[in-house]
Structure formats: structure tokens, C-alpha cells
Amino acid sequence: MNEFELTPDPYLLESMRAVGYSFETAVADVIDNSVAAGAGTIHLLTSGSGQPRVSIFDDGAGMDRETAVTAMKLAARSPSETRKESDLGRFGLGLKTASLSQCRRLTVASKQGGHLTILRWDLDHVISTGRWLVIELDAHELCSLHGHELLDDAESGTLVCWDELDLLLRTEGSSQADFDAAVTRVRDHCSLVFHRFVTGDDARKINMTVNGVGFSAFDPFLRRNRSTDARSENLKLDGTVLPVVAYTLPFIGKLSASERKLALAPGGFRDSQGFYIYRAARLVVWGTWFRLNPKSELGKLARVRVDVPNALDHLWVLDIKKSSATPPRELREALKKLSAQFIEPSTRVQKFRGRREKDPSGDTRVWNVIVDRHGFRYEVNREHPVIRTFGETLDSAQLRRMEALIEVMEQSFPVVDAHNRLGEDAVLVEPADKVTTAVTNAANLRPLFADTHPDDATFISMIEALEPYCHIDGFRAALTAALAV
């Protein structure tokens, strides 16, 4: 058997650029290194004019020359190597593949113990020389790097610089507005992925900024809303306990505009349902049931947080970009069973939305749902006390006209339009003063029930159990006061 060495082709680095990073996942991957370095502050800097430039600075431990050289090597660490619990790395590829997926020139400057090391991968230089040559810059060349002032002032830390962003310009556009829009998307992505570090939620709190403006943390679980429901479980995998918390968000119509924005992962509420997998407090995968259960409109308020230590990476099939993971077979059945249970509370919230089910027969509802083997339809509940009592005051001709009117309403019920709007997370706008409007309507109905409910107290008890009045907080007290006048 003969053996011989094959020198890597210089064009291999070009090929590696097509790993599949987006701008935002590439930035997040570099920030992972800053978190692992123990940084207390991480700054993302972008150019405001001229050629687009991106720099990421952290005040972490920094690297000596030997460590920096190792960091610039491809696959510098084995994925099976034991790591610290806080280490967000995996393959030893992230810094290089993430950076070169966006730029042609990657420069890493790091300071430790008063010593500065500056190393650069330049794709054009590699191709022109036909050799995998890393360029080492002199200390006085630091001032040519975007954001060098931050490293100048720091006792230790690292500055990662991207120049000649050719692929970014190709995918996003060449104008400053295009670049600024891409940076905004990066900010939103990192605000979600690193939200536990931004808030210090079971993680070391880190000050993260974009061009000096701090990240606002997205909270996909809306835990500050008192109506958010939480349920905890523990799963075991390979002798390790995985904490699982299932959250059911309040009905969308009860959320403020700011809460809806905070809760949204990209894609809207329906696409945001499912498991949220955290690795060392960093969000890796979100908005998926891993095909264990289908996504549904009724389940869109269900979100399940699962914390996975990096010691189990080999079981979760984590990819290079740390943007996808597949649960191991021994965990899939447990997750499938739990996911069905976790979806059920969301289904209840979506179906009933605060309705008081005072009467199991449903005769207090205005609309009935009729289900048969062909599907479903809505029809007006003729036994609703207001409709029935009003009908009893009509003669036969008037009653026929009322029935024709109701049938027109039933046949034109905008169910498809309502479904489309709710599917886009549109919020139903209610009257500005819902209580006053409801009280006025109820007071106008008072004479209709003069014979069956002669006193105000029995009338109020009857009507507050009916739709739409049973949904309105403060209705009984307001109607009592209005009828007493």
C-alpha cells in the first residue's frame, strides 16, 4: 500500500464559502466565540458610508499568538473534544467559514497580556500565490482596521474584521440602504438568539450593541405577561437531565403591540410555535415540532423551551452553522408525546378565548358551529334569548322577514376572510369604549324582557351570561348603574 500527500487546492476556500450561512447566522457564529471568551461587552460595528465593513469586538480573554494561529486553522478542534459548559463552539470552523461566507478578507486582531497579534486570511492572496498563506500584520497596522479604537483601549480582547463583502453585496444589494437593512435584520436575529445573555436569564449577562445601540431582547415566551401559562417537565438523555418548560401565550387579541413584537420569531405566530432548543443558553433552533406534530393555527400559541448542554452535541446532530439540530431517536418519542400535550392548552385558548361556558347546551351563544361529515358551517342561534324573545313580538309576516335577514347573514359570514386575517396575526379592533356601547345596547333591550324579567336584578343576571356581554369586563356594574338612573 502506498501513501502520498495531497496539498489542498487554494480554491477550496472559495468552495467553503457556500456552506449556507446567511449574513445574520454568520455574525451570530462569530459572536459565539466572543461569548466563549468570557466577554462582558460585545460590539457589532458597521460602516455608515463607503464600502461596507463589519467588525465584531469583544473584551474577553483575548488570544496569544499561538492560540490565534490555531484559531485561524480550519477545523482547529475536534467536535468530540470535551468543552466547557459555556463554550458555544463545536467544529473549530465557525470563525473562518462564517466570516469568509460573507467577505474575501478576514482579519483577526487579539490582545492578551499586553501582546497584540494580527492575522489575516485574504482569498485573493491565497489564489494569486497558489498557497494557503496566512498574513501576519505588524502592530502599527492595527489602525487600519475598522473599530481598532476599541481594542486599543482594552486590556484584552479580540477584534474580528470583515472587508470586501462581495457575497453580501451580491445577495443584499449594493446601496447603503440595502446594507443598513441587512444590519437591522442581523440585530433582530441576534436579539432573539442571544436574548438570555442580554437579560441575564440563567446566563451570564453581556452588554451587546450594534453601532453603540444596545440589543433589545426578544422574549418568545412573554413570561412577564401574567396570562402566560408555564408547565415544567424533565427529560433524561444519556444520563443527563434536560429541563423542559412549555409556555402557552395569551390570545393574540389580548396582547399589546409591543408584546406581539417581542414574542415574534421570524415568520409570525403560526411559524413561531414549537420547540425552542437552547445550547448553553444560546438559541439554536426555534419554531419547529421536528415533524413530530404538524403546525396548526390552533397550536400557534404553544412554545416549548428545551435546554441542551453542549456535552450532548453528538446526539443532537448539530450542524456547522449551529442553526439546526435533530433530536436523537431515543428522545423523539418522549418529545412527540409531550408536544401533543403542550399544544392542547393553546388549542383551548384559541377555541374559547375567554368565553364563559355557563350553559353546556350553548344556547347563550349568538353563533353555533354545525359540524357534519362534509365539514362545518356557522348559523345564528335562534334560541339565543334576545333573538327568541324578539321573534315572539313579531307577527308571521315579520317573522318570515327576520328569518330571511338571518339567512342572508349566515350565507355571507366572512369565514375565509377572517381565517386569512387571523392567519396573518391580524388583531380584531373593538369599539373604543366597548363597555359603554354594550351597556347602551343592553339598556335598549330592557323593555323586551319586561314580562319575563320584571326586575332589573334578574334581567342583569340573565343578559350578562349571553354573548356578546359575557366577554366584557365591568359590564354588570356599568349596566346596574345605568338602569338605576
Protein backbone atom coordinates (compact mmCIF):
# COMPACT_ATOMS: atom_id res chain seq x y z
CA MET A 1 0.00 0.00 0.00
CA ASN A 2 1.36 3.42 -0.97
CA GLU A 3 0.59 6.70 0.68
CA PHE A 4 1.09 10.21 -0.67
CA GLU A 5 0.17 13.73 0.42
CA LEU A 6 -2.29 15.92 -1.49
CA THR A 7 -1.80 19.64 -0.98
CA PRO A 8 -5.18 21.37 -0.57
CA ASP A 9 -6.20 23.32 -3.63
CA PRO A 10 -6.25 27.09 -2.97
CA TYR A 11 -9.73 27.21 -4.48
CA LEU A 12 -11.01 25.07 -1.59
CA LEU A 13 -11.51 28.23 0.46
CA GLU A 14 -13.73 29.59 -2.32
CA SER A 15 -15.79 26.40 -2.26
CA MET A 16 -16.14 26.53 1.53
CA ARG A 17 -17.93 29.87 1.21
CA ALA A 18 -21.05 28.05 0.04
CA VAL A 19 -21.70 26.32 3.38
CA GLY A 20 -25.05 28.11 3.60
CA TYR A 21 -24.57 30.96 6.07
CA SER A 22 -26.82 33.98 5.88
CA PHE A 23 -25.49 37.36 6.98
CA GLU A 24 -27.24 37.07 10.35
CA THR A 25 -26.19 33.48 11.10
CA ALA A 26 -22.60 34.32 10.16
CA VAL A 27 -22.47 37.24 12.60
CA ALA A 28 -24.08 35.13 15.32
CA ASP A 29 -21.47 32.42 14.82
CA VAL A 30 -18.63 34.90 15.37
CA ILE A 31 -20.39 36.29 18.46
CA ASP A 32 -20.42 32.73 19.83
CA ASN A 33 -16.63 32.92 20.04
CA SER A 34 -16.87 36.19 21.97
CA VAL A 35 -19.30 34.64 24.46
CA ALA A 36 -17.00 31.64 24.90
CA ALA A 37 -14.09 34.03 25.54
CA GLY A 38 -15.87 35.36 28.63
CA ALA A 39 -16.67 38.78 27.17
CA GLY A 40 -18.67 41.22 29.25
CA THR A 41 -19.19 43.52 26.26
CA ILE A 42 -19.63 42.70 22.57
CA HIS A 43 -19.90 45.43 19.95
CA LEU A 44 -21.01 44.94 16.35
CA LEU A 45 -19.74 47.80 14.21
CA THR A 46 -20.73 48.53 10.61
CA SER A 47 -19.70 51.27 8.20
CA GLY A 48 -22.11 54.14 7.66
CA SER A 49 -20.85 55.05 4.20
CA GLY A 50 -18.44 53.91 1.52
CA GLN A 51 -17.52 50.26 1.12
CA PRO A 52 -19.42 48.06 3.59
CA ARG A 53 -17.29 46.91 6.51
CA VAL A 54 -18.20 44.80 9.53
CA SER A 55 -16.27 44.40 12.78
CA ILE A 56 -17.07 42.47 15.95
CA PHE A 57 -15.22 43.43 19.12
CA ASP A 58 -15.25 41.73 22.50
CA ASP A 59 -13.45 42.46 25.76
CA GLY A 60 -12.95 38.79 26.53
CA ALA A 61 -9.75 36.97 27.44
CA GLY A 62 -8.10 37.54 24.08
CA MET A 63 -5.54 35.20 22.50
CA ASP A 64 -1.78 34.90 22.49
CA ARG A 65 -0.06 34.34 19.15
CA GLU A 66 -0.10 30.54 19.34
CA THR A 67 -3.80 30.42 20.17
CA ALA A 68 -4.60 32.96 17.45
CA VAL A 69 -2.75 30.90 14.85
CA THR A 70 -4.66 27.80 15.93
CA ALA A 71 -7.93 29.74 15.71
CA MET A 72 -7.18 30.60 12.08
CA LYS A 73 -6.72 26.96 11.15
CA LEU A 74 -9.62 25.12 9.58
CA ALA A 75 -11.23 22.55 11.89
CA ALA A 76 -8.84 23.55 14.64
CA ARG A 77 -10.67 21.45 17.26
CA SER A 78 -12.29 18.07 17.18
CA PRO A 79 -16.10 18.13 17.57
CA SER A 80 -15.77 15.26 20.06
CA GLU A 81 -13.42 17.25 22.30
CA THR A 82 -14.68 17.90 25.82
CA ARG A 83 -15.60 21.58 26.23
CA LYS A 84 -16.53 23.97 29.00
CA GLU A 85 -20.28 24.24 29.63
CA SER A 86 -20.21 27.84 28.39
CA ASP A 87 -18.33 27.03 25.16
CA LEU A 88 -20.57 27.71 22.15
CA GLY A 89 -18.06 26.31 19.65
CA ARG A 90 -18.30 22.89 18.09
CA PHE A 91 -16.24 22.14 14.98
CA GLY A 92 -13.49 24.75 15.03
CA LEU A 93 -14.80 26.08 11.72
CA GLY A 94 -17.18 28.88 12.68
CA LEU A 95 -14.83 31.87 12.70
CA LYS A 96 -13.40 31.06 9.27
CA THR A 97 -16.40 29.65 7.42
CA ALA A 98 -18.85 32.19 8.83
CA SER A 99 -16.56 35.12 8.05
CA LEU A 100 -15.43 34.01 4.59
CA SER A 101 -19.03 33.23 3.64
CA GLN A 102 -19.55 37.00 3.64
CA CYS A 103 -16.18 38.57 2.88
CA ARG A 104 -12.97 37.95 0.93
CA ARG A 105 -10.69 39.31 3.63
CA LEU A 106 -10.86 38.24 7.27
CA THR A 107 -8.61 39.91 9.83
CA VAL A 108 -8.39 38.86 13.47
CA ALA A 109 -6.60 41.11 15.96
CA SER A 110 -6.29 39.88 19.53
CA LYS A 111 -4.65 41.27 22.64
CA GLN A 112 -3.60 39.30 25.71
CA GLY A 113 -1.09 40.16 28.41
CA GLY A 114 -0.11 43.36 26.61
CA HIS A 115 0.82 41.47 23.43
CA LEU A 116 -1.02 42.10 20.16
CA THR A 117 -1.41 39.55 17.35
CA ILE A 118 -2.95 40.40 13.97
CA LEU A 119 -3.61 37.62 11.43
CA ARG A 120 -5.41 37.73 8.09
CA TRP A 121 -6.94 35.34 5.57
CA ASP A 122 -7.07 37.05 2.15
CA LEU A 123 -8.72 34.88 -0.52
CA ASP A 124 -7.20 36.85 -3.39
CA HIS A 125 -3.73 36.42 -1.88
CA VAL A 126 -4.26 32.66 -1.45
CA ILE A 127 -5.34 32.29 -5.08
CA SER A 128 -2.60 34.51 -6.52
CA THR A 129 0.14 32.66 -4.63
CA GLY A 130 -1.41 29.23 -5.01
CA ARG A 131 -0.62 28.59 -1.35
CA TRP A 132 -2.59 28.65 1.90
CA LEU A 133 -0.76 31.61 3.39
CA VAL A 134 -1.98 33.48 6.45
CA ILE A 135 -0.71 37.06 6.55
CA GLU A 136 0.63 38.39 9.87
CA LEU A 137 0.35 42.16 10.25
CA ASP A 138 2.56 44.41 12.38
CA ALA A 139 1.16 46.11 15.46
CA HIS A 140 1.21 49.56 13.80
CA GLU A 141 -1.19 48.25 11.14
CA LEU A 142 -3.96 47.89 13.74
CA CYS A 143 -5.07 51.45 13.00
CA SER A 144 -6.19 50.37 9.51
CA LEU A 145 -8.87 48.10 10.97
CA HIS A 146 -12.47 49.20 11.42
CA GLY A 147 -13.08 49.55 15.17
CA HIS A 148 -9.41 49.48 16.16
CA GLU A 149 -10.02 52.13 18.88
CA LEU A 150 -11.94 49.61 20.97
CA LEU A 151 -9.06 47.16 21.02
CA ASP A 152 -6.57 49.99 21.65
CA ASP A 153 -8.42 50.94 24.84
CA ALA A 154 -9.00 47.37 26.10
CA GLU A 155 -6.64 45.45 28.35
CA SER A 156 -7.58 42.27 26.48
CA GLY A 157 -9.99 41.30 23.77
CA THR A 158 -10.44 40.41 20.13
CA LEU A 159 -11.45 42.34 17.03
CA VAL A 160 -12.77 40.40 14.01
CA CYS A 161 -12.93 42.44 10.79
CA TRP A 162 -14.69 41.65 7.51
CA ASP A 163 -13.65 43.56 4.40
CA GLU A 164 -14.54 43.17 0.73
CA LEU A 165 -18.04 41.87 1.41
CA ASP A 166 -18.62 40.60 -2.12
CA LEU A 167 -21.21 37.91 -1.40
CA LEU A 168 -23.15 40.17 0.93
CA LEU A 169 -23.35 42.86 -1.76
CA ARG A 170 -24.47 40.26 -4.28
CA THR A 171 -27.30 38.93 -2.13
CA GLU A 172 -28.42 42.11 -0.35
CA GLY A 173 -27.71 44.88 -2.88
CA SER A 174 -25.00 47.49 -3.30
CA SER A 175 -26.61 50.61 -1.82
CA GLN A 176 -26.08 51.88 1.73
CA ALA A 177 -29.82 51.45 2.35
CA ASP A 178 -29.55 47.76 1.39
CA PHE A 179 -26.63 47.30 3.77
CA ASP A 180 -28.40 49.13 6.61
CA ALA A 181 -31.50 46.94 6.14
CA ALA A 182 -29.32 43.81 6.36
CA VAL A 183 -27.71 45.13 9.55
CA THR A 184 -31.16 45.69 11.05
CA ARG A 185 -32.02 42.09 10.27
CA VAL A 186 -28.79 40.97 11.98
CA ARG A 187 -29.69 42.99 15.07
CA ASP A 188 -33.14 41.40 15.28
CA HIS A 189 -31.69 37.91 14.75
CA CYS A 190 -29.07 38.33 17.46
CA SER A 191 -31.61 39.90 19.82
CA LEU A 192 -33.51 36.62 19.63
CA VAL A 193 -30.62 34.14 19.51
CA PHE A 194 -28.77 35.74 22.45
CA HIS A 195 -31.78 37.07 24.37
CA ARG A 196 -30.88 35.16 27.54
CA PHE A 197 -27.43 36.76 27.61
CA VAL A 198 -28.92 40.21 27.04
CA THR A 199 -31.27 39.82 30.03
CA GLY A 200 -29.09 37.55 32.18
CA ASP A 201 -31.78 34.85 32.23
CA ASP A 202 -29.96 31.75 33.54
CA ALA A 203 -26.90 33.01 31.65
CA ARG A 204 -24.05 35.44 32.16
CA LYS A 205 -25.32 38.92 31.32
CA ILE A 206 -23.46 40.50 28.41
CA ASN A 207 -23.71 44.04 27.08
CA MET A 208 -24.31 43.67 23.32
CA THR A 209 -24.61 46.62 20.96
CA VAL A 210 -24.91 47.43 17.26
CA ASN A 211 -23.12 50.68 16.43
CA GLY A 212 -23.44 51.72 20.07
CA VAL A 213 -27.15 50.89 20.45
CA GLY A 214 -27.92 48.03 22.83
CA PHE A 215 -29.76 44.89 21.71
CA SER A 216 -33.37 44.69 22.87
CA ALA A 217 -34.05 41.15 23.97
CA PHE A 218 -36.85 39.28 22.26
CA ASP A 219 -38.81 37.13 24.69
CA PRO A 220 -40.51 34.38 22.67
CA PHE A 221 -42.33 33.18 25.81
CA LEU A 222 -43.72 36.51 27.10
CA ARG A 223 -43.00 35.48 30.66
CA ARG A 224 -43.73 38.95 32.04
CA ASN A 225 -47.34 38.70 30.89
CA ARG A 226 -49.31 37.33 33.83
CA SER A 227 -51.62 35.45 31.47
CA THR A 228 -48.79 33.37 30.01
CA ASP A 229 -49.10 29.81 31.29
CA ALA A 230 -46.00 27.71 32.03
CA ARG A 231 -45.57 24.00 32.70
CA SER A 232 -42.25 22.29 33.55
CA GLU A 233 -41.04 18.80 32.73
CA ASN A 234 -37.70 16.99 32.87
CA LEU A 235 -36.41 14.56 30.27
CA LYS A 236 -33.40 12.30 30.53
CA LEU A 237 -30.92 11.66 27.74
CA ASP A 238 -27.67 9.74 28.07
CA GLY A 239 -27.79 10.16 31.86
CA THR A 240 -28.31 13.93 31.58
CA VAL A 241 -31.45 15.80 32.70
CA LEU A 242 -32.91 18.16 30.10
CA PRO A 243 -35.13 20.89 31.60
CA VAL A 244 -38.26 21.44 29.51
CA VAL A 245 -40.71 24.32 30.02
CA ALA A 246 -43.87 24.57 27.92
CA TYR A 247 -45.40 28.04 27.57
CA THR A 248 -48.86 28.93 26.32
CA LEU A 249 -49.09 32.56 25.25
CA PRO A 250 -52.25 34.63 25.85
CA PHE A 251 -54.69 35.01 22.98
CA ILE A 252 -53.18 37.37 20.40
CA GLY A 253 -56.04 39.85 20.68
CA LYS A 254 -55.16 40.38 24.35
CA LEU A 255 -51.52 41.26 23.65
CA SER A 256 -50.26 44.81 23.25
CA ALA A 257 -48.45 45.80 20.06
CA SER A 258 -45.10 45.78 21.89
CA GLU A 259 -45.78 42.31 23.30
CA ARG A 260 -46.65 40.95 19.87
CA LYS A 261 -43.36 42.29 18.52
CA LEU A 262 -41.35 40.86 21.41
CA ALA A 263 -42.95 37.43 21.04
CA LEU A 264 -42.45 37.09 17.31
CA ALA A 265 -39.76 34.89 15.92
CA PRO A 266 -39.42 35.45 12.16
CA GLY A 267 -42.47 34.23 10.28
CA GLY A 268 -45.40 35.18 12.51
CA PHE A 269 -47.15 33.37 15.35
CA ARG A 270 -48.04 30.25 13.39
CA ASP A 271 -44.47 29.71 12.25
CA SER A 272 -43.11 30.53 15.73
CA GLN A 273 -44.86 27.65 17.51
CA GLY A 274 -42.93 24.57 18.57
CA PHE A 275 -39.68 23.71 20.30
CA TYR A 276 -37.02 26.29 21.18
CA ILE A 277 -33.73 24.46 21.61
CA TYR A 278 -31.03 26.21 23.64
CA ARG A 279 -27.42 25.11 23.73
CA ALA A 280 -25.51 26.64 26.66
CA ALA A 281 -28.27 29.33 26.85
CA ARG A 282 -27.84 30.20 23.14
CA LEU A 283 -30.94 29.69 20.98
CA VAL A 284 -30.06 27.24 18.21
CA VAL A 285 -33.37 26.08 16.72
CA TRP A 286 -36.84 27.52 17.14
CA GLY A 287 -40.33 27.29 15.73
CA THR A 288 -40.37 23.58 14.85
CA TRP A 289 -42.06 20.43 16.09
CA PHE A 290 -39.33 18.36 14.35
CA ARG A 291 -42.13 16.79 12.28
CA LEU A 292 -43.39 15.09 15.42
CA ASN A 293 -46.62 17.07 15.16
CA PRO A 294 -47.93 19.30 12.37
CA LYS A 295 -48.08 23.05 12.81
CA SER A 296 -51.63 24.31 13.12
CA GLU A 297 -53.49 27.55 13.61
CA LEU A 298 -54.83 26.28 16.95
CA GLY A 299 -51.36 25.42 18.20
CA LYS A 300 -49.68 28.72 17.37
CA LEU A 301 -49.55 29.90 20.99
CA ALA A 302 -47.52 26.88 22.15
CA ARG A 303 -43.75 27.25 22.64
CA VAL A 304 -41.52 24.77 24.39
CA ARG A 305 -38.10 25.65 25.79
CA VAL A 306 -35.54 22.84 25.94
CA ASP A 307 -32.05 23.35 27.39
CA VAL A 308 -29.39 21.05 25.96
CA PRO A 309 -25.79 21.04 27.28
CA ASN A 310 -23.01 21.09 24.69
CA ALA A 311 -21.87 17.70 26.02
CA LEU A 312 -24.81 16.19 24.08
CA ASP A 313 -23.95 17.80 20.72
CA HIS A 314 -23.07 14.44 19.21
CA LEU A 315 -26.57 13.13 19.95
CA TRP A 316 -28.42 16.17 18.59
CA VAL A 317 -26.67 16.23 15.18
CA LEU A 318 -25.79 19.91 15.41
CA ASP A 319 -24.70 21.42 12.10
CA ILE A 320 -21.64 23.62 11.46
CA LYS A 321 -23.68 26.84 11.44
CA LYS A 322 -25.36 25.90 14.75
CA SER A 323 -28.63 26.84 13.08
CA SER A 324 -30.23 23.38 13.02
CA ALA A 325 -30.31 20.29 15.17
CA THR A 326 -32.10 16.95 15.06
CA PRO A 327 -33.25 15.30 18.28
CA PRO A 328 -31.87 11.79 18.87
CA ARG A 329 -34.10 8.81 18.28
CA GLU A 330 -34.27 7.90 21.99
CA LEU A 331 -35.75 11.33 22.71
CA ARG A 332 -38.16 11.66 19.79
CA GLU A 333 -40.95 9.54 21.25
CA ALA A 334 -40.89 11.44 24.54
CA LEU A 335 -40.91 14.77 22.67
CA LYS A 336 -43.75 13.65 20.42
CA LYS A 337 -45.89 12.65 23.40
CA LEU A 338 -45.15 15.87 25.24
CA SER A 339 -45.64 18.10 22.20
CA ALA A 340 -49.21 16.81 21.79
CA GLN A 341 -49.86 17.68 25.43
CA PHE A 342 -48.21 21.09 25.08
CA ILE A 343 -50.35 22.00 22.05
CA GLU A 344 -53.62 21.30 23.87
CA PRO A 345 -53.59 24.44 26.10
CA SER A 346 -53.00 26.60 23.01
CA THR A 347 -55.95 24.90 21.33
CA ARG A 348 -58.18 25.74 24.29
CA VAL A 349 -57.10 29.38 24.29
CA GLN A 350 -57.71 29.68 20.54
CA LYS A 351 -61.12 27.98 20.65
CA PHE A 352 -62.66 29.64 23.67
CA ARG A 353 -60.77 32.94 24.01
CA GLY A 354 -62.22 33.77 27.42
CA ARG A 355 -65.80 32.66 26.67
CA ARG A 356 -67.74 31.73 29.80
CA GLU A 357 -69.43 28.42 29.13
CA LYS A 358 -72.29 28.99 31.52
CA ASP A 359 -74.67 26.64 29.72
CA PRO A 360 -73.34 23.36 28.25
CA SER A 361 -76.18 23.39 25.71
CA GLY A 362 -74.62 26.52 24.20
CA ASP A 363 -77.89 28.49 23.97
CA THR A 364 -76.16 31.63 25.25
CA ARG A 365 -74.04 31.90 22.09
CA VAL A 366 -75.03 34.05 19.14
CA TRP A 367 -73.40 31.74 16.58
CA ASN A 368 -73.49 27.94 16.57
CA VAL A 369 -70.97 25.78 14.78
CA ILE A 370 -72.61 22.92 12.87
CA VAL A 371 -70.25 20.05 12.09
CA ASP A 372 -71.10 17.14 9.81
CA ARG A 373 -69.21 14.68 7.63
CA HIS A 374 -68.88 17.28 4.86
CA GLY A 375 -67.29 19.95 7.05
CA PHE A 376 -68.70 22.77 9.16
CA ARG A 377 -70.76 25.92 8.92
CA TYR A 378 -71.95 28.73 11.18
CA GLU A 379 -75.58 29.51 11.86
CA VAL A 380 -77.27 32.05 14.11
CA ASN A 381 -78.59 30.52 17.32
CA ARG A 382 -82.34 31.10 17.06
CA GLU A 383 -82.67 30.06 20.73
CA HIS A 384 -80.49 32.91 21.93
CA PRO A 385 -82.82 34.70 24.41
CA VAL A 386 -82.56 38.08 22.65
CA ILE A 387 -83.36 36.61 19.22
CA ARG A 388 -86.07 34.28 20.52
CA THR A 389 -87.79 36.94 22.64
CA PHE A 390 -87.66 39.50 19.83
CA GLY A 391 -89.16 36.94 17.45
CA GLU A 392 -92.07 36.38 19.81
CA THR A 393 -93.08 40.06 19.39
CA LEU A 394 -93.46 39.70 15.60
CA ASP A 395 -96.39 38.57 13.52
CA SER A 396 -95.92 35.77 10.98
CA ALA A 397 -95.03 38.07 8.08
CA GLN A 398 -92.47 39.96 10.15
CA LEU A 399 -91.07 36.69 11.45
CA ARG A 400 -90.52 35.46 7.88
CA ARG A 401 -88.70 38.67 7.01
CA MET A 402 -86.49 38.33 10.11
CA GLU A 403 -85.69 34.72 9.15
CA ALA A 404 -84.74 35.83 5.63
CA LEU A 405 -82.48 38.51 7.09
CA ILE A 406 -80.75 35.98 9.39
CA GLU A 407 -80.22 33.59 6.46
CA VAL A 408 -78.59 36.38 4.43
CA MET A 409 -76.20 36.99 7.34
CA GLU A 410 -75.41 33.26 7.64
CA GLN A 411 -74.76 32.81 3.94
CA SER A 412 -72.43 35.83 3.83
CA PHE A 413 -70.46 35.09 7.00
CA PRO A 414 -66.87 36.12 6.02
CA VAL A 415 -65.21 32.98 7.35
CA VAL A 416 -62.50 32.81 4.66
CA ASP A 417 -61.56 36.47 5.07
CA ALA A 418 -61.48 36.10 8.87
CA HIS A 419 -59.31 32.98 8.58
CA ASN A 420 -56.86 34.75 6.26
CA ARG A 421 -56.57 37.78 8.52
CA LEU A 422 -56.11 35.73 11.69
CA GLY A 423 -53.59 33.56 9.86
CA GLU A 424 -51.58 36.76 9.31
CA ASP A 425 -51.86 37.53 13.06
CA ALA A 426 -54.18 40.48 12.43
CA VAL A 427 -55.89 41.75 15.58
CA LEU A 428 -59.65 42.39 15.72
CA VAL A 429 -60.27 46.05 16.52
CA GLU A 430 -63.03 46.52 19.10
CA PRO A 431 -65.06 49.69 19.82
CA ALA A 432 -63.07 52.37 21.62
CA ASP A 433 -65.48 52.24 24.57
CA LYS A 434 -66.74 48.68 24.45
CA VAL A 435 -68.40 48.81 27.88
CA THR A 436 -70.44 51.94 27.11
CA THR A 437 -71.58 50.53 23.76
CA ALA A 438 -72.60 47.22 25.33
CA VAL A 439 -74.46 48.91 28.18
CA THR A 440 -76.38 51.15 25.75
CA ASN A 441 -77.41 48.12 23.67
CA ALA A 442 -78.46 46.13 26.75
CA ALA A 443 -80.45 49.04 28.14
CA ASN A 444 -82.32 49.30 24.82
CA LEU A 445 -83.20 45.60 25.15
CA ARG A 446 -84.60 46.04 28.67
CA PRO A 447 -88.23 46.63 27.56
CA LEU A 448 -88.11 43.42 25.50
CA PHE A 449 -87.79 41.41 28.73
CA ALA A 450 -90.20 43.40 30.86
CA ASP A 451 -92.63 40.46 31.16
CA THR A 452 -90.12 37.63 31.66
CA HIS A 453 -87.70 39.59 33.88
CA PRO A 454 -89.71 42.34 35.59
CA ASP A 455 -86.96 43.49 37.95
CA ASP A 456 -83.54 44.80 36.94
CA ALA A 457 -81.57 42.30 39.01
CA THR A 458 -82.94 39.22 37.22
CA PHE A 459 -82.57 40.96 33.83
CA ILE A 460 -78.92 41.78 34.53
CA SER A 461 -78.17 38.23 35.70
CA MET A 462 -79.76 36.83 32.55
CA ILE A 463 -78.17 39.12 29.99
CA GLU A 464 -74.62 39.09 31.39
CA ALA A 465 -74.50 35.33 30.66
CA LEU A 466 -75.20 35.93 26.97
CA GLU A 467 -72.87 36.68 24.11
CA PRO A 468 -71.54 39.26 23.48
CA TYR A 469 -71.95 40.62 27.01
CA CYS A 470 -70.30 37.67 28.76
CA HIS A 471 -66.93 38.69 27.28
CA ILE A 472 -66.89 42.25 28.64
CA ASP A 473 -65.16 43.06 31.93
CA GLY A 474 -67.04 45.52 34.11
CA PHE A 475 -70.28 45.07 32.18
CA ARG A 476 -72.50 44.08 35.15
CA ALA A 477 -71.50 47.04 37.32
CA ALA A 478 -71.91 49.52 34.45
CA LEU A 479 -75.33 48.16 33.44
CA THR A 480 -76.52 48.17 37.06
CA ALA A 481 -75.58 51.84 37.37
CA ALA A 482 -77.20 52.74 34.03
CA LEU A 483 -80.53 51.06 34.84
CA ALA A 484 -80.63 52.68 38.29
CA VAL A 485 -80.71 56.16 36.77
